[in-house]
Amino acid sequence: MLQIPELLAPAGDAERLRYAINYGADAVYCGLPEFGMRSAPANFTPEQLTESVIYAHARGRKVYLTMNTLPTNEEADRLPEAIKNAAAAGVDAFIVADLGVMEACKQFAPDIFPPLQHGLEQLCRSTDRYDPKDPFGQNLRSAKGG
C-alpha cells in the first residue's frame, strides 16, 4: 500500500503556523520560550499554542511541540507543568532529544505517548544505533550494539 509522507513545516510563531497550514503543510512543529532549541524565532506563548492547535485541528492538521533541549536541574523542575500545559493545549506529539524528557512526557502526558517523535540529533550518533522497527526508541541499542 502506498504511504504518503507527511509534509512537516517549522512554525516560529502563530502567523507562520497559519501560513504553513494554509499553504499545504500536514503538520507543523513549534516551540515554547523554554525547552526548545529554536531560540531565534519568537516562539509561542502557552495561550498562542492553544489557539494555534485549535486552528490547525479545525483544518485537519497536526501540531508537534519541540522539547528537544537537555534541561538543567532548574529547568527540569518546570518541565512537568510545561508538558501538562502542552497536553491541555492539544498538541499531537512532542519532539524530544533527551531520554529523561521523553520519560517525563510519557509520565505527564500519557494520552500523547505514543506518538512521540525523536530529535535524533541527541539520541543516535550513528545509524547502527537507530532501529527503524522501533521509531519511538523504546529499545535503543547501546553503542556496543547490545
Protein backbone atom coordinates (compact mmCIF):
# COMPACT_ATOMS: atom_id res chain seq x y z
CA MET A 1 0.00 0.00 0.00
CA LEU A 2 1.27 3.46 -0.90
CA GLN A 3 2.12 5.54 2.14
CA ILE A 4 2.13 9.29 1.55
CA PRO A 5 4.79 11.16 3.54
CA GLU A 6 3.74 13.89 5.94
CA LEU A 7 4.72 17.42 4.97
CA LEU A 8 6.10 18.89 8.21
CA ALA A 9 6.90 22.62 8.36
CA PRO A 10 8.50 24.80 11.03
CA ALA A 11 6.36 27.47 12.66
CA GLY A 12 8.28 30.10 14.61
CA ASP A 13 5.13 31.92 15.62
CA ALA A 14 1.34 31.81 15.20
CA GLU A 15 1.39 33.76 11.94
CA ARG A 16 3.88 31.37 10.33
CA LEU A 17 1.86 28.42 11.60
CA ARG A 18 -1.22 29.75 9.78
CA TYR A 19 0.81 30.28 6.59
CA ALA A 20 2.23 26.75 6.74
CA ILE A 21 -1.22 25.23 7.28
CA ASN A 22 -2.87 27.38 4.60
CA TYR A 23 -0.18 26.50 2.05
CA GLY A 24 -0.42 22.75 2.50
CA ALA A 25 1.58 21.54 5.50
CA ASP A 26 0.14 18.38 7.02
CA ALA A 27 1.75 19.23 10.34
CA VAL A 28 3.86 21.95 11.91
CA TYR A 29 6.41 21.95 14.69
CA CYS A 30 6.81 24.81 17.09
CA GLY A 31 8.29 25.65 20.45
CA LEU A 32 7.69 27.48 23.65
CA PRO A 33 10.21 30.01 25.01
CA GLU A 34 11.68 27.21 27.11
CA PHE A 35 12.73 23.60 26.34
CA GLY A 36 13.13 24.03 22.57
CA MET A 37 16.28 24.54 20.50
CA ARG A 38 14.60 27.13 18.28
CA SER A 39 15.70 30.22 20.19
CA ALA A 40 15.76 32.71 17.30
CA PRO A 41 12.05 32.67 16.44
CA ALA A 42 9.50 34.45 18.59
CA ASN A 43 8.11 31.07 19.66
CA PHE A 44 4.68 30.59 21.21
CA THR A 45 3.18 31.65 24.49
CA PRO A 46 1.02 28.97 26.11
CA GLU A 47 -2.08 30.93 25.03
CA GLN A 48 -0.88 31.20 21.42
CA LEU A 49 -0.11 27.48 21.42
CA THR A 50 -3.67 26.66 22.45
CA GLU A 51 -5.17 28.98 19.80
CA SER A 52 -2.84 27.61 17.14
CA VAL A 53 -3.66 23.99 17.94
CA ILE A 54 -7.36 24.82 17.64
CA TYR A 55 -6.66 26.48 14.27
CA ALA A 56 -4.65 23.50 12.99
CA HIS A 57 -7.06 20.85 14.21
CA ALA A 58 -10.03 22.68 12.68
CA ARG A 59 -8.27 22.16 9.34
CA GLY A 60 -7.30 18.54 9.96
CA ARG A 61 -3.63 19.32 10.63
CA LYS A 62 -1.27 18.36 13.46
CA VAL A 63 0.94 20.36 15.80
CA TYR A 64 4.15 18.93 17.26
CA LEU A 65 5.87 20.71 20.14
CA THR A 66 9.65 20.74 20.35
CA MET A 67 11.04 19.90 23.77
CA ASN A 68 14.42 18.99 22.41
CA THR A 69 16.86 20.62 24.82
CA LEU A 70 18.76 18.93 27.60
CA PRO A 71 17.19 20.64 30.61
CA THR A 72 19.23 21.82 33.56
CA ASN A 73 18.16 20.76 37.06
CA GLU A 74 16.36 24.08 37.49
CA GLU A 75 14.56 23.72 34.16
CA ALA A 76 13.67 20.12 34.95
CA ASP A 77 11.60 21.35 37.89
CA ARG A 78 9.44 23.35 35.45
CA LEU A 79 9.22 20.61 32.83
CA PRO A 80 6.20 18.67 34.19
CA GLU A 81 3.99 21.76 34.21
CA ALA A 82 5.05 22.68 30.66
CA ILE A 83 4.24 19.15 29.45
CA LYS A 84 0.84 19.18 31.17
CA ASN A 85 0.02 22.60 29.69
CA ALA A 86 1.03 21.44 26.21
CA ALA A 87 -1.14 18.35 26.56
CA ALA A 88 -4.05 20.52 27.69
CA ALA A 89 -3.48 22.73 24.63
CA GLY A 90 -3.94 19.62 22.48
CA VAL A 91 -0.55 19.13 20.84
CA ASP A 92 -0.34 15.93 18.83
CA ALA A 93 3.21 14.92 19.72
CA PHE A 94 6.42 16.06 21.31
CA ILE A 95 9.78 16.24 19.56
CA VAL A 96 12.41 15.34 22.14
CA ALA A 97 16.15 14.73 22.23
CA ASP A 98 16.65 13.62 25.82
CA LEU A 99 15.50 10.30 27.24
CA GLY A 100 14.64 11.98 30.56
CA VAL A 101 12.35 14.44 28.77
CA MET A 102 10.82 11.53 26.86
CA GLU A 103 10.10 9.75 30.14
CA ALA A 104 8.57 12.94 31.58
CA CYS A 105 6.33 13.27 28.51
CA LYS A 106 5.25 9.67 28.96
CA GLN A 107 4.50 10.29 32.65
CA PHE A 108 2.79 13.70 32.45
CA ALA A 109 1.07 13.38 29.06
CA PRO A 110 0.27 9.66 28.76
CA ASP A 111 -2.50 10.28 26.22
CA ILE A 112 0.07 11.69 23.81
CA PHE A 113 2.53 8.83 24.23
CA PRO A 114 2.63 7.44 21.56
CA PRO A 115 3.04 9.23 19.23
CA LEU A 116 6.27 10.72 20.38
CA GLN A 117 8.84 11.84 17.87
CA HIS A 118 12.59 11.81 18.46
CA GLY A 119 15.01 14.55 17.64
CA LEU A 120 17.65 12.02 16.61
CA GLU A 121 20.49 14.54 16.86
CA GLN A 122 20.96 13.67 20.55
CA LEU A 123 19.85 10.06 20.71
CA CYS A 124 21.86 8.43 17.96
CA ARG A 125 25.40 9.16 16.95
CA SER A 126 25.37 6.57 14.18
CA THR A 127 22.84 4.72 12.06
CA ASP A 128 23.74 1.37 13.62
CA ARG A 129 22.14 2.57 16.91
CA TYR A 130 18.81 3.51 15.29
CA ASP A 131 16.27 0.75 14.80
CA PRO A 132 13.66 1.70 12.15
CA LYS A 133 11.36 -1.02 13.56
CA ASP A 134 11.38 0.93 16.85
CA PRO A 135 10.99 4.58 15.75
CA PHE A 136 9.98 5.74 19.23
CA GLY A 137 13.22 4.47 20.75
CA GLN A 138 11.75 2.11 23.29
CA ASN A 139 14.60 -0.28 22.65
CA LEU A 140 17.57 1.95 21.77
CA ARG A 141 20.68 -0.12 21.32
CA SER A 142 23.87 0.78 23.11
CA ALA A 143 26.95 1.98 21.23
CA LYS A 144 28.35 -1.56 21.54
CA GLY A 145 25.30 -2.95 19.75
CA GLY A 146 23.80 -4.61 22.82
